[in-house]
Amino acid sequence: MAGFFDELKQNFKRPNNALNQLIIINAIVFVGLGLLALIGKFSGVEGLYAIVDAQFTIPPDLERFIYRPWTIITYAFSHAGFFHILMNMLVLYWFGMLISQYLGSAKLVNLYVLGALAGAVIFILAYNLIPFLAERTTNGMVGASAAVYAVATASATLLPDHRFHLIFIGPVKIKYIVAVYIILSLLNSAGPNAGGNLAHLG
């Protein structure tokens, strides 16, 4: 086990390694919150998990947000479940590799952070300005989806004709993959996670 953590630490510290660093940070937050939830459940102090989890959840209303302004970034490193983080990290890896290769690690981090910020702003504005959403109740938003969308869209803009080999389909240009990705978010904007899907478009 010590060898695993040593290898993880060395991998994290490698220069020009932003893609792996982002994935590792997301994984650490996910595992950490999951362990905290288990500890809270079996020890009877579930309130501790709720307090910590709130620091990684961006609230939709300004009244709560002004007391947790850091969540405009931290929400992008937390996820609602295993498949949520799995899909986000897979997409981040695929498209992040292209950004890292052609623009460098620093640009990848910039895109991730700016995408997260834009998604957070759209989420808050949507829930405060759109009547359809204002009537809904939500505890907030978590997930790297807005940041990942920014990376994917930048990749499709930079290398629109680059192809990914998809299982059962074959080679597909990434501009079409990202277009479908965006269309699905638009179609889901009327669903239960309307604010989150709109935030993807940041």
C-alpha atoms as a PDB file:
ATOM      1  CA  MET A   1       0.000   0.000   0.000  1.00  0.00           C
ATOM      2  CA  ALA A   2       2.873   2.376   0.815  1.00  0.00           C
ATOM      3  CA  GLY A   3       4.303   1.729  -2.648  1.00  0.00           C
ATOM      4  CA  PHE A   4       1.001   2.721  -4.243  1.00  0.00           C
ATOM      5  CA  PHE A   5       0.897   6.048  -2.405  1.00  0.00           C
ATOM      6  CA  ASP A   6       4.577   6.716  -3.168  1.00  0.00           C
ATOM      7  CA  GLU A   7       3.928   6.115  -6.862  1.00  0.00           C
ATOM      8  CA  LEU A   8       0.836   8.327  -6.712  1.00  0.00           C
ATOM      9  CA  LYS A   9       2.842  11.105  -5.058  1.00  0.00           C
ATOM     10  CA  GLN A  10       5.623  10.873  -7.655  1.00  0.00           C
ATOM     11  CA  ASN A  11       3.079  10.888 -10.467  1.00  0.00           C
ATOM     12  CA  PHE A  12       1.419  13.971  -8.978  1.00  0.00           C
ATOM     13  CA  LYS A  13       4.707  15.870  -8.660  1.00  0.00           C
ATOM     14  CA  ARG A  14       5.901  15.260 -12.217  1.00  0.00           C
ATOM     15  CA  PRO A  15       6.320  18.503 -14.208  1.00  0.00           C
ATOM     16  CA  ASN A  16       3.807  19.375 -16.942  1.00  0.00           C
ATOM     17  CA  ASN A  17       1.402  16.876 -15.451  1.00  0.00           C
ATOM     18  CA  ALA A  18      -1.716  18.996 -14.957  1.00  0.00           C
ATOM     19  CA  LEU A  19      -4.092  16.439 -16.463  1.00  0.00           C
ATOM     20  CA  ASN A  20      -3.147  13.701 -14.003  1.00  0.00           C
ATOM     21  CA  GLN A  21      -3.084  16.224 -11.156  1.00  0.00           C
ATOM     22  CA  LEU A  22      -6.649  17.339 -11.880  1.00  0.00           C
ATOM     23  CA  ILE A  23      -7.853  13.739 -12.030  1.00  0.00           C
ATOM     24  CA  ILE A  24      -6.026  12.818  -8.811  1.00  0.00           C
ATOM     25  CA  ILE A  25      -7.456  15.836  -6.949  1.00  0.00           C
ATOM     26  CA  ASN A  26     -10.979  14.910  -8.069  1.00  0.00           C
ATOM     27  CA  ALA A  27     -10.422  11.308  -6.974  1.00  0.00           C
ATOM     28  CA  ILE A  28      -9.027  12.324  -3.571  1.00  0.00           C
ATOM     29  CA  VAL A  29     -11.995  14.620  -2.875  1.00  0.00           C
ATOM     30  CA  PHE A  30     -14.460  11.915  -3.968  1.00  0.00           C
ATOM     31  CA  VAL A  31     -12.864   9.209  -1.818  1.00  0.00           C
ATOM     32  CA  GLY A  32     -12.381  11.590   1.113  1.00  0.00           C
ATOM     33  CA  LEU A  33     -16.009  12.698   1.153  1.00  0.00           C
ATOM     34  CA  GLY A  34     -17.158   9.111   0.716  1.00  0.00           C
ATOM     35  CA  LEU A  35     -15.111   7.942   3.692  1.00  0.00           C
ATOM     36  CA  LEU A  36     -16.335  10.877   5.750  1.00  0.00           C
ATOM     37  CA  ALA A  37     -19.936   9.971   4.917  1.00  0.00           C
ATOM     38  CA  LEU A  38     -19.355   6.376   6.055  1.00  0.00           C
ATOM     39  CA  ILE A  39     -17.622   7.460   9.248  1.00  0.00           C
ATOM     40  CA  GLY A  40     -20.428   9.901   9.995  1.00  0.00           C
ATOM     41  CA  LYS A  41     -23.105   7.280   9.373  1.00  0.00           C
ATOM     42  CA  PHE A  42     -21.592   4.642  11.639  1.00  0.00           C
ATOM     43  CA  SER A  43     -20.410   7.023  14.349  1.00  0.00           C
ATOM     44  CA  GLY A  44     -23.614   9.009  14.583  1.00  0.00           C
ATOM     45  CA  VAL A  45     -22.027  12.349  13.607  1.00  0.00           C
ATOM     46  CA  GLU A  46     -23.500  12.702  10.125  1.00  0.00           C
ATOM     47  CA  GLY A  47     -23.665  16.448  10.655  1.00  0.00           C
ATOM     48  CA  LEU A  48     -19.883  16.628  10.188  1.00  0.00           C
ATOM     49  CA  TYR A  49     -20.184  15.217   6.664  1.00  0.00           C
ATOM     50  CA  ALA A  50     -22.953  17.693   5.846  1.00  0.00           C
ATOM     51  CA  ILE A  51     -20.752  20.591   6.969  1.00  0.00           C
ATOM     52  CA  VAL A  52     -17.755  19.445   4.906  1.00  0.00           C
ATOM     53  CA  ASP A  53     -19.857  18.491   1.872  1.00  0.00           C
ATOM     54  CA  ALA A  54     -21.398  21.975   1.857  1.00  0.00           C
ATOM     55  CA  GLN A  55     -17.930  23.420   1.268  1.00  0.00           C
ATOM     56  CA  PHE A  56     -17.855  21.554  -2.067  1.00  0.00           C
ATOM     57  CA  THR A  57     -21.425  22.356  -3.152  1.00  0.00           C
ATOM     58  CA  ILE A  58     -22.289  25.654  -4.812  1.00  0.00           C
ATOM     59  CA  PRO A  59     -25.703  26.876  -3.582  1.00  0.00           C
ATOM     60  CA  PRO A  60     -28.174  28.328  -6.104  1.00  0.00           C
ATOM     61  CA  ASP A  61     -29.245  31.287  -3.980  1.00  0.00           C
ATOM     62  CA  LEU A  62     -27.075  34.330  -3.385  1.00  0.00           C
ATOM     63  CA  GLU A  63     -28.010  34.455   0.301  1.00  0.00           C
ATOM     64  CA  ARG A  64     -26.103  31.231   0.948  1.00  0.00           C
ATOM     65  CA  PHE A  65     -23.431  31.743  -1.701  1.00  0.00           C
ATOM     66  CA  ILE A  66     -22.072  34.945  -0.147  1.00  0.00           C
ATOM     67  CA  TYR A  67     -21.165  32.894   2.932  1.00  0.00           C
ATOM     68  CA  ARG A  68     -19.465  30.184   0.836  1.00  0.00           C
ATOM     69  CA  PRO A  69     -17.850  32.053  -2.089  1.00  0.00           C
ATOM     70  CA  TRP A  70     -15.067  29.454  -2.425  1.00  0.00           C
ATOM     71  CA  THR A  71     -17.635  26.941  -3.677  1.00  0.00           C
ATOM     72  CA  ILE A  72     -17.476  28.713  -7.044  1.00  0.00           C
ATOM     73  CA  ILE A  73     -14.328  26.597  -7.559  1.00  0.00           C
ATOM     74  CA  THR A  74     -14.519  23.726  -5.061  1.00  0.00           C
ATOM     75  CA  TYR A  75     -17.799  22.391  -6.504  1.00  0.00           C
ATOM     76  CA  ALA A  76     -15.849  21.425  -9.642  1.00  0.00           C
ATOM     77  CA  PHE A  77     -13.814  18.876  -7.664  1.00  0.00           C
ATOM     78  CA  SER A  78     -16.733  17.057  -6.016  1.00  0.00           C
ATOM     79  CA  HIS A  79     -19.167  14.537  -7.503  1.00  0.00           C
ATOM     80  CA  ALA A  80     -22.549  13.062  -6.670  1.00  0.00           C
ATOM     81  CA  GLY A  81     -21.650   9.429  -7.302  1.00  0.00           C
ATOM     82  CA  PHE A  82     -19.215   6.947  -8.834  1.00  0.00           C
ATOM     83  CA  PHE A  83     -20.549   7.106 -12.389  1.00  0.00           C
ATOM     84  CA  HIS A  84     -20.690  10.892 -12.192  1.00  0.00           C
ATOM     85  CA  ILE A  85     -16.963  11.164 -11.487  1.00  0.00           C
ATOM     86  CA  LEU A  86     -16.103   8.248 -13.802  1.00  0.00           C
ATOM     87  CA  MET A  87     -17.702   9.835 -16.862  1.00  0.00           C
ATOM     88  CA  ASN A  88     -16.314  13.283 -16.113  1.00  0.00           C
ATOM     89  CA  MET A  89     -12.775  11.994 -15.592  1.00  0.00           C
ATOM     90  CA  LEU A  90     -12.868   9.841 -18.728  1.00  0.00           C
ATOM     91  CA  VAL A  91     -13.968  12.784 -20.865  1.00  0.00           C
ATOM     92  CA  LEU A  92     -11.432  15.045 -19.139  1.00  0.00           C
ATOM     93  CA  TYR A  93      -8.682  12.515 -19.859  1.00  0.00           C
ATOM     94  CA  TRP A  94      -9.573  12.060 -23.532  1.00  0.00           C
ATOM     95  CA  PHE A  95      -9.912  15.736 -24.378  1.00  0.00           C
ATOM     96  CA  GLY A  96      -7.405  16.952 -21.802  1.00  0.00           C
ATOM     97  CA  MET A  97      -4.702  14.890 -23.499  1.00  0.00           C
ATOM     98  CA  LEU A  98      -5.203  16.912 -26.676  1.00  0.00           C
ATOM     99  CA  ILE A  99      -5.094  20.262 -24.871  1.00  0.00           C
ATOM    100  CA  SER A 100      -1.970  19.254 -22.934  1.00  0.00           C
ATOM    101  CA  GLN A 101      -0.254  18.035 -26.074  1.00  0.00           C
ATOM    102  CA  TYR A 102      -1.001  21.051 -28.262  1.00  0.00           C
ATOM    103  CA  LEU A 103      -1.340  23.931 -25.777  1.00  0.00           C
ATOM    104  CA  GLY A 104       0.425  22.715 -22.636  1.00  0.00           C
ATOM    105  CA  SER A 105      -0.531  21.899 -19.056  1.00  0.00           C
ATOM    106  CA  ALA A 106      -0.990  25.527 -17.986  1.00  0.00           C
ATOM    107  CA  LYS A 107      -3.659  26.100 -20.651  1.00  0.00           C
ATOM    108  CA  LEU A 108      -5.467  22.961 -19.531  1.00  0.00           C
ATOM    109  CA  VAL A 109      -5.673  24.231 -15.952  1.00  0.00           C
ATOM    110  CA  ASN A 110      -6.837  27.640 -17.193  1.00  0.00           C
ATOM    111  CA  LEU A 111      -9.593  26.042 -19.262  1.00  0.00           C
ATOM    112  CA  TYR A 112     -10.693  23.840 -16.372  1.00  0.00           C
ATOM    113  CA  VAL A 113     -10.876  26.735 -13.911  1.00  0.00           C
ATOM    114  CA  LEU A 114     -12.514  29.171 -16.342  1.00  0.00           C
ATOM    115  CA  GLY A 115     -15.056  26.526 -17.368  1.00  0.00           C
ATOM    116  CA  ALA A 116     -15.874  25.884 -13.711  1.00  0.00           C
ATOM    117  CA  LEU A 117     -16.267  29.612 -13.034  1.00  0.00           C
ATOM    118  CA  ALA A 118     -18.485  30.144 -16.077  1.00  0.00           C
ATOM    119  CA  GLY A 119     -20.633  27.144 -15.156  1.00  0.00           C
ATOM    120  CA  ALA A 120     -21.050  28.408 -11.592  1.00  0.00           C
ATOM    121  CA  VAL A 121     -22.082  31.882 -12.753  1.00  0.00           C
ATOM    122  CA  ILE A 122     -24.636  30.479 -15.207  1.00  0.00           C
ATOM    123  CA  PHE A 123     -26.012  28.128 -12.530  1.00  0.00           C
ATOM    124  CA  ILE A 124     -26.544  30.936 -10.015  1.00  0.00           C
ATOM    125  CA  LEU A 125     -27.962  33.355 -12.599  1.00  0.00           C
ATOM    126  CA  ALA A 126     -30.300  30.702 -14.001  1.00  0.00           C
ATOM    127  CA  TYR A 127     -31.784  29.851 -10.604  1.00  0.00           C
ATOM    128  CA  ASN A 128     -32.221  33.508  -9.723  1.00  0.00           C
ATOM    129  CA  LEU A 129     -33.484  34.877 -13.044  1.00  0.00           C
ATOM    130  CA  ILE A 130     -35.399  32.078 -14.793  1.00  0.00           C
ATOM    131  CA  PRO A 131     -38.874  31.593 -13.253  1.00  0.00           C
ATOM    132  CA  PHE A 132     -39.005  27.923 -14.278  1.00  0.00           C
ATOM    133  CA  LEU A 133     -35.913  27.239 -12.167  1.00  0.00           C
ATOM    134  CA  ALA A 134     -36.591  29.737  -9.389  1.00  0.00           C
ATOM    135  CA  GLU A 135     -39.656  27.713  -8.395  1.00  0.00           C
ATOM    136  CA  ARG A 136     -37.564  24.571  -7.919  1.00  0.00           C
ATOM    137  CA  THR A 137     -35.729  23.568  -4.793  1.00  0.00           C
ATOM    138  CA  THR A 138     -32.162  22.296  -4.979  1.00  0.00           C
ATOM    139  CA  ASN A 139     -29.383  21.913  -2.462  1.00  0.00           C
ATOM    140  CA  GLY A 140     -26.830  23.063  -4.999  1.00  0.00           C
ATOM    141  CA  MET A 141     -24.532  21.795  -7.711  1.00  0.00           C
ATOM    142  CA  VAL A 142     -21.446  19.603  -7.694  1.00  0.00           C
ATOM    143  CA  GLY A 143     -19.329  18.120 -10.443  1.00  0.00           C
ATOM    144  CA  ALA A 144     -16.600  18.901 -12.935  1.00  0.00           C
ATOM    145  CA  SER A 145     -18.993  18.809 -15.888  1.00  0.00           C
ATOM    146  CA  ALA A 146     -18.823  22.533 -16.724  1.00  0.00           C
ATOM    147  CA  ALA A 147     -15.017  22.460 -16.533  1.00  0.00           C
ATOM    148  CA  VAL A 148     -14.894  19.293 -18.640  1.00  0.00           C
ATOM    149  CA  TYR A 149     -17.247  20.807 -21.229  1.00  0.00           C
ATOM    150  CA  ALA A 150     -14.865  23.763 -21.533  1.00  0.00           C
ATOM    151  CA  VAL A 151     -11.922  21.431 -22.156  1.00  0.00           C
ATOM    152  CA  ALA A 152     -13.888  19.333 -24.656  1.00  0.00           C
ATOM    153  CA  THR A 153     -15.186  22.381 -26.549  1.00  0.00           C
ATOM    154  CA  ALA A 154     -11.698  23.899 -26.702  1.00  0.00           C
ATOM    155  CA  SER A 155     -10.364  20.609 -28.095  1.00  0.00           C
ATOM    156  CA  ALA A 156     -13.061  20.512 -30.771  1.00  0.00           C
ATOM    157  CA  THR A 157     -12.313  24.134 -31.680  1.00  0.00           C
ATOM    158  CA  LEU A 158      -8.568  23.517 -31.832  1.00  0.00           C
ATOM    159  CA  LEU A 159      -8.678  20.148 -33.626  1.00  0.00           C
ATOM    160  CA  PRO A 160     -12.193  19.724 -35.063  1.00  0.00           C
ATOM    161  CA  ASP A 161     -11.220  16.906 -37.420  1.00  0.00           C
ATOM    162  CA  HIS A 162      -9.258  14.876 -34.897  1.00  0.00           C
ATOM    163  CA  ARG A 163     -10.854  11.449 -34.520  1.00  0.00           C
ATOM    164  CA  PHE A 164     -11.621   9.336 -31.478  1.00  0.00           C
ATOM    165  CA  HIS A 165     -12.294   5.629 -31.967  1.00  0.00           C
ATOM    166  CA  LEU A 166     -15.603   4.883 -30.269  1.00  0.00           C
ATOM    167  CA  ILE A 167     -16.637   1.361 -29.314  1.00  0.00           C
ATOM    168  CA  PHE A 168     -19.220  -0.116 -31.738  1.00  0.00           C
ATOM    169  CA  ILE A 169     -19.026   3.017 -33.916  1.00  0.00           C
ATOM    170  CA  GLY A 170     -15.435   3.466 -35.032  1.00  0.00           C
ATOM    171  CA  PRO A 171     -13.552   6.709 -35.731  1.00  0.00           C
ATOM    172  CA  VAL A 172     -15.611   9.876 -35.191  1.00  0.00           C
ATOM    173  CA  LYS A 173     -14.458  13.495 -35.502  1.00  0.00           C
ATOM    174  CA  ILE A 174     -14.429  15.164 -32.116  1.00  0.00           C
ATOM    175  CA  LYS A 175     -16.415  18.147 -33.390  1.00  0.00           C
ATOM    176  CA  TYR A 176     -19.384  15.799 -33.816  1.00  0.00           C
ATOM    177  CA  ILE A 177     -18.843  14.177 -30.422  1.00  0.00           C
ATOM    178  CA  VAL A 178     -18.843  17.563 -28.678  1.00  0.00           C
ATOM    179  CA  ALA A 179     -21.872  18.721 -30.705  1.00  0.00           C
ATOM    180  CA  VAL A 180     -23.863  15.700 -29.485  1.00  0.00           C
ATOM    181  CA  TYR A 181     -22.590  16.317 -25.952  1.00  0.00           C
ATOM    182  CA  ILE A 182     -23.923  19.907 -26.058  1.00  0.00           C
ATOM    183  CA  ILE A 183     -27.241  18.946 -27.661  1.00  0.00           C
ATOM    184  CA  LEU A 184     -27.876  16.360 -24.938  1.00  0.00           C
ATOM    185  CA  SER A 185     -27.305  19.001 -22.268  1.00  0.00           C
ATOM    186  CA  LEU A 186     -29.743  21.359 -23.977  1.00  0.00           C
ATOM    187  CA  LEU A 187     -32.373  18.623 -24.208  1.00  0.00           C
ATOM    188  CA  ASN A 188     -31.905  17.799 -20.525  1.00  0.00           C
ATOM    189  CA  SER A 189     -32.282  21.439 -19.496  1.00  0.00           C
ATOM    190  CA  ALA A 190     -35.978  20.866 -18.856  1.00  0.00           C
ATOM    191  CA  GLY A 191     -35.295  17.889 -16.611  1.00  0.00           C
ATOM    192  CA  PRO A 192     -34.714  17.596 -12.856  1.00  0.00           C
ATOM    193  CA  ASN A 193     -31.120  18.829 -13.170  1.00  0.00           C
ATOM    194  CA  ALA A 194     -31.977  21.781 -15.383  1.00  0.00           C
ATOM    195  CA  GLY A 195     -29.611  24.234 -13.705  1.00  0.00           C
ATOM    196  CA  GLY A 196     -26.725  21.799 -13.834  1.00  0.00           C
ATOM    197  CA  ASN A 197     -27.253  21.112 -17.525  1.00  0.00           C
ATOM    198  CA  LEU A 198     -27.379  24.821 -18.307  1.00  0.00           C
ATOM    199  CA  ALA A 199     -24.153  25.249 -16.344  1.00  0.00           C
ATOM    200  CA  HIS A 200     -22.469  22.790 -18.708  1.00  0.00           C
ATOM    201  CA  LEU A 201     -22.842  25.393 -21.439  1.00  0.00           C
ATOM    202  CA  GLY A 202     -20.672  27.887 -19.568  1.00  0.00           C
END
